[in-house]
Amino acid sequence: MTADELKSIIAAGLACEHIALEGDGRHWYATIVSAEFEGKRPIARHQRVYKTLGEKMHTDEVHALSMKTFTPAEWANQPR
């Protein structure tokens, strides 16, 4: 799977303001910003992203996905 494919899958299932991906095709690191994360703890945010991937996590198309998840307000306060 390519970064563009993974990004498209996540964006199709979750309204995102920002998605950045790095990885080698099996192991991925993502930064995801979505208003849907408002009021959710990190584990619930991650579960929401995993839900967009569905079976791809179980069939090993995406072997590992580490992520940082932010609301738009949290993202606006991140140093860049």
N, C-alpha and C. Protein backbone atom coordinates (compact mmCIF):
# COMPACT_ATOMS: atom_id res chain seq x y z
N MET A 1 0.84 -1.18 0.00
CA MET A 1 0.00 0.00 0.00
C MET A 1 0.89 1.24 0.00
N THR A 2 0.47 2.24 -0.75
CA THR A 2 1.22 3.49 -0.79
C THR A 2 0.65 4.49 0.21
N ALA A 3 1.42 5.53 0.48
CA ALA A 3 0.96 6.58 1.39
C ALA A 3 -0.31 7.24 0.84
N ASP A 4 -0.36 7.47 -0.46
CA ASP A 4 -1.54 8.09 -1.06
C ASP A 4 -2.78 7.22 -0.91
N GLU A 5 -2.62 5.91 -1.08
CA GLU A 5 -3.75 5.00 -0.92
C GLU A 5 -4.25 5.00 0.52
N LEU A 6 -3.33 4.93 1.46
CA LEU A 6 -3.70 4.92 2.87
C LEU A 6 -4.37 6.23 3.26
N LYS A 7 -3.83 7.33 2.79
CA LYS A 7 -4.40 8.64 3.06
C LYS A 7 -5.83 8.73 2.51
N SER A 8 -6.04 8.22 1.31
CA SER A 8 -7.38 8.24 0.70
C SER A 8 -8.37 7.42 1.49
N ILE A 9 -7.95 6.28 1.99
CA ILE A 9 -8.84 5.41 2.77
C ILE A 9 -9.25 6.11 4.06
N ILE A 10 -8.28 6.69 4.75
CA ILE A 10 -8.59 7.38 6.00
C ILE A 10 -9.51 8.57 5.73
N ALA A 11 -9.19 9.36 4.72
CA ALA A 11 -9.99 10.55 4.39
C ALA A 11 -11.40 10.19 3.95
N ALA A 12 -11.59 9.03 3.34
CA ALA A 12 -12.92 8.61 2.89
C ALA A 12 -13.81 8.24 4.08
N GLY A 13 -13.19 7.81 5.18
CA GLY A 13 -13.98 7.37 6.32
C GLY A 13 -13.99 8.33 7.50
N LEU A 14 -13.22 9.41 7.40
CA LEU A 14 -13.09 10.34 8.51
C LEU A 14 -12.84 11.73 7.94
N ALA A 15 -13.67 12.68 8.33
CA ALA A 15 -13.48 14.05 7.86
C ALA A 15 -12.23 14.63 8.51
N CYS A 16 -11.20 14.84 7.71
CA CYS A 16 -9.91 15.30 8.23
C CYS A 16 -9.56 16.66 7.66
N GLU A 17 -8.97 17.47 8.51
CA GLU A 17 -8.45 18.75 8.06
C GLU A 17 -7.00 18.62 7.61
N HIS A 18 -6.34 17.59 8.12
CA HIS A 18 -4.92 17.38 7.79
C HIS A 18 -4.58 15.92 8.02
N ILE A 19 -3.86 15.34 7.06
CA ILE A 19 -3.31 13.99 7.22
C ILE A 19 -1.90 14.02 6.65
N ALA A 20 -0.94 13.60 7.45
CA ALA A 20 0.44 13.44 6.99
C ALA A 20 0.86 12.01 7.30
N LEU A 21 1.45 11.34 6.31
CA LEU A 21 1.86 9.95 6.48
C LEU A 21 3.32 9.77 6.09
N GLU A 22 3.99 8.93 6.86
CA GLU A 22 5.33 8.49 6.52
C GLU A 22 5.36 6.99 6.76
N GLY A 23 6.12 6.28 5.95
CA GLY A 23 6.21 4.85 6.19
C GLY A 23 6.89 4.12 5.05
N ASP A 24 6.95 2.81 5.21
CA ASP A 24 7.65 1.98 4.24
C ASP A 24 6.73 1.02 3.49
N GLY A 25 5.43 1.24 3.60
CA GLY A 25 4.49 0.35 2.93
C GLY A 25 3.84 -0.65 3.87
N ARG A 26 4.45 -0.90 5.00
CA ARG A 26 3.88 -1.79 6.02
C ARG A 26 3.78 -1.11 7.37
N HIS A 27 4.77 -0.34 7.72
CA HIS A 27 4.81 0.37 9.00
C HIS A 27 4.62 1.85 8.72
N TRP A 28 3.59 2.43 9.34
CA TRP A 28 3.21 3.80 9.05
C TRP A 28 3.18 4.66 10.30
N TYR A 29 3.48 5.94 10.10
CA TYR A 29 3.34 6.94 11.14
C TYR A 29 2.45 8.03 10.57
N ALA A 30 1.38 8.37 11.27
CA ALA A 30 0.41 9.34 10.77
C ALA A 30 0.18 10.46 11.77
N THR A 31 -0.04 11.65 11.24
CA THR A 31 -0.54 12.78 12.01
C THR A 31 -1.88 13.12 11.39
N ILE A 32 -2.93 13.06 12.20
CA ILE A 32 -4.29 13.24 11.70
C ILE A 32 -5.00 14.29 12.53
N VAL A 33 -5.62 15.24 11.83
CA VAL A 33 -6.38 16.32 12.48
C VAL A 33 -7.82 16.21 12.04
N SER A 34 -8.73 16.08 13.00
CA SER A 34 -10.15 15.97 12.68
C SER A 34 -11.01 16.55 13.79
N ALA A 35 -12.06 17.25 13.41
CA ALA A 35 -13.02 17.77 14.38
C ALA A 35 -13.75 16.64 15.08
N GLU A 36 -13.79 15.46 14.45
CA GLU A 36 -14.46 14.31 15.07
C GLU A 36 -13.75 13.84 16.34
N PHE A 37 -12.54 14.30 16.57
CA PHE A 37 -11.79 13.91 17.77
C PHE A 37 -12.16 14.74 18.99
N GLU A 38 -12.95 15.79 18.80
CA GLU A 38 -13.36 16.65 19.92
C GLU A 38 -13.99 15.81 21.04
N GLY A 39 -13.50 16.00 22.26
CA GLY A 39 -14.07 15.33 23.42
C GLY A 39 -13.70 13.86 23.56
N LYS A 40 -12.85 13.34 22.67
CA LYS A 40 -12.47 11.93 22.73
C LYS A 40 -11.05 11.77 23.28
N ARG A 41 -10.87 10.72 24.04
CA ARG A 41 -9.54 10.37 24.56
C ARG A 41 -8.71 9.78 23.41
N PRO A 42 -7.39 9.75 23.58
CA PRO A 42 -6.54 9.22 22.50
C PRO A 42 -6.93 7.82 22.02
N ILE A 43 -7.28 6.91 22.92
CA ILE A 43 -7.63 5.56 22.48
C ILE A 43 -8.87 5.57 21.60
N ALA A 44 -9.86 6.39 21.93
CA ALA A 44 -11.07 6.47 21.11
C ALA A 44 -10.76 7.10 19.75
N ARG A 45 -9.85 8.04 19.72
CA ARG A 45 -9.44 8.65 18.45
C ARG A 45 -8.77 7.61 17.56
N HIS A 46 -7.88 6.82 18.15
CA HIS A 46 -7.18 5.79 17.38
C HIS A 46 -8.16 4.74 16.88
N GLN A 47 -9.10 4.35 17.73
CA GLN A 47 -10.10 3.37 17.31
C GLN A 47 -10.92 3.90 16.14
N ARG A 48 -11.19 5.20 16.16
CA ARG A 48 -11.95 5.82 15.06
C ARG A 48 -11.18 5.72 13.75
N VAL A 49 -9.87 5.96 13.81
CA VAL A 49 -9.04 5.84 12.61
C VAL A 49 -8.96 4.39 12.16
N TYR A 50 -8.75 3.46 13.10
CA TYR A 50 -8.69 2.04 12.75
C TYR A 50 -9.99 1.59 12.08
N LYS A 51 -11.10 2.14 12.52
CA LYS A 51 -12.39 1.79 11.92
C LYS A 51 -12.41 2.12 10.43
N THR A 52 -11.75 3.22 10.03
CA THR A 52 -11.72 3.57 8.61
C THR A 52 -10.95 2.55 7.80
N LEU A 53 -10.01 1.86 8.43
CA LEU A 53 -9.18 0.89 7.73
C LEU A 53 -9.81 -0.49 7.66
N GLY A 54 -10.75 -0.76 8.55
CA GLY A 54 -11.49 -2.02 8.53
C GLY A 54 -10.58 -3.23 8.42
N GLU A 55 -10.88 -4.07 7.45
CA GLU A 55 -10.17 -5.34 7.26
C GLU A 55 -8.72 -5.17 6.87
N LYS A 56 -8.34 -4.01 6.38
CA LYS A 56 -6.96 -3.81 5.96
C LYS A 56 -5.98 -3.99 7.13
N MET A 57 -6.44 -3.73 8.35
CA MET A 57 -5.61 -3.96 9.52
C MET A 57 -5.53 -5.46 9.85
N HIS A 58 -6.56 -6.20 9.51
CA HIS A 58 -6.61 -7.62 9.84
C HIS A 58 -5.97 -8.49 8.76
N THR A 59 -5.91 -7.99 7.54
CA THR A 59 -5.33 -8.77 6.45
C THR A 59 -3.87 -8.43 6.22
N ASP A 60 -3.32 -7.58 7.07
CA ASP A 60 -1.91 -7.21 7.03
C ASP A 60 -1.56 -6.26 5.87
N GLU A 61 -2.57 -5.68 5.21
CA GLU A 61 -2.27 -4.66 4.20
C GLU A 61 -1.62 -3.46 4.88
N VAL A 62 -2.07 -3.19 6.10
CA VAL A 62 -1.43 -2.18 6.94
C VAL A 62 -0.96 -2.93 8.18
N HIS A 63 0.33 -3.20 8.24
CA HIS A 63 0.86 -4.01 9.34
C HIS A 63 0.87 -3.23 10.66
N ALA A 64 1.29 -1.97 10.61
CA ALA A 64 1.38 -1.17 11.83
C ALA A 64 1.11 0.29 11.50
N LEU A 65 0.35 0.92 12.36
CA LEU A 65 0.04 2.34 12.19
C LEU A 65 0.18 3.03 13.54
N SER A 66 1.20 3.86 13.66
CA SER A 66 1.36 4.71 14.83
C SER A 66 0.81 6.06 14.46
N MET A 67 0.17 6.72 15.41
CA MET A 67 -0.42 8.01 15.03
C MET A 67 -0.47 9.00 16.18
N LYS A 68 -0.46 10.25 15.76
CA LYS A 68 -0.77 11.36 16.65
C LYS A 68 -2.06 11.95 16.10
N THR A 69 -3.01 12.14 17.00
CA THR A 69 -4.31 12.66 16.59
C THR A 69 -4.59 13.96 17.31
N PHE A 70 -5.12 14.93 16.58
CA PHE A 70 -5.38 16.24 17.12
C PHE A 70 -6.74 16.76 16.69
N THR A 71 -7.36 17.56 17.53
CA THR A 71 -8.51 18.35 17.10
C THR A 71 -7.93 19.55 16.35
N PRO A 72 -8.75 20.27 15.59
CA PRO A 72 -8.23 21.47 14.92
C PRO A 72 -7.63 22.48 15.90
N ALA A 73 -8.25 22.67 17.07
CA ALA A 73 -7.72 23.61 18.06
C ALA A 73 -6.38 23.14 18.61
N GLU A 74 -6.26 21.85 18.89
CA GLU A 74 -4.99 21.30 19.38
C GLU A 74 -3.89 21.47 18.32
N TRP A 75 -4.26 21.21 17.07
CA TRP A 75 -3.31 21.31 15.97
C TRP A 75 -2.82 22.76 15.80
N ALA A 76 -3.72 23.71 15.96
CA ALA A 76 -3.36 25.12 15.82
C ALA A 76 -2.33 25.54 16.86
N ASN A 77 -2.30 24.84 18.00
CA ASN A 77 -1.36 25.17 19.07
C ASN A 77 -0.05 24.38 19.00
N GLN A 78 0.09 23.51 18.00
CA GLN A 78 1.31 22.72 17.88
C GLN A 78 2.43 23.54 17.25
N PRO A 79 3.62 23.47 17.80
CA PRO A 79 4.75 24.16 17.16
C PRO A 79 5.11 23.50 15.84
N ARG A 80 5.43 24.30 14.86
CA ARG A 80 5.81 23.73 13.56
C ARG A 80 7.07 24.37 13.07
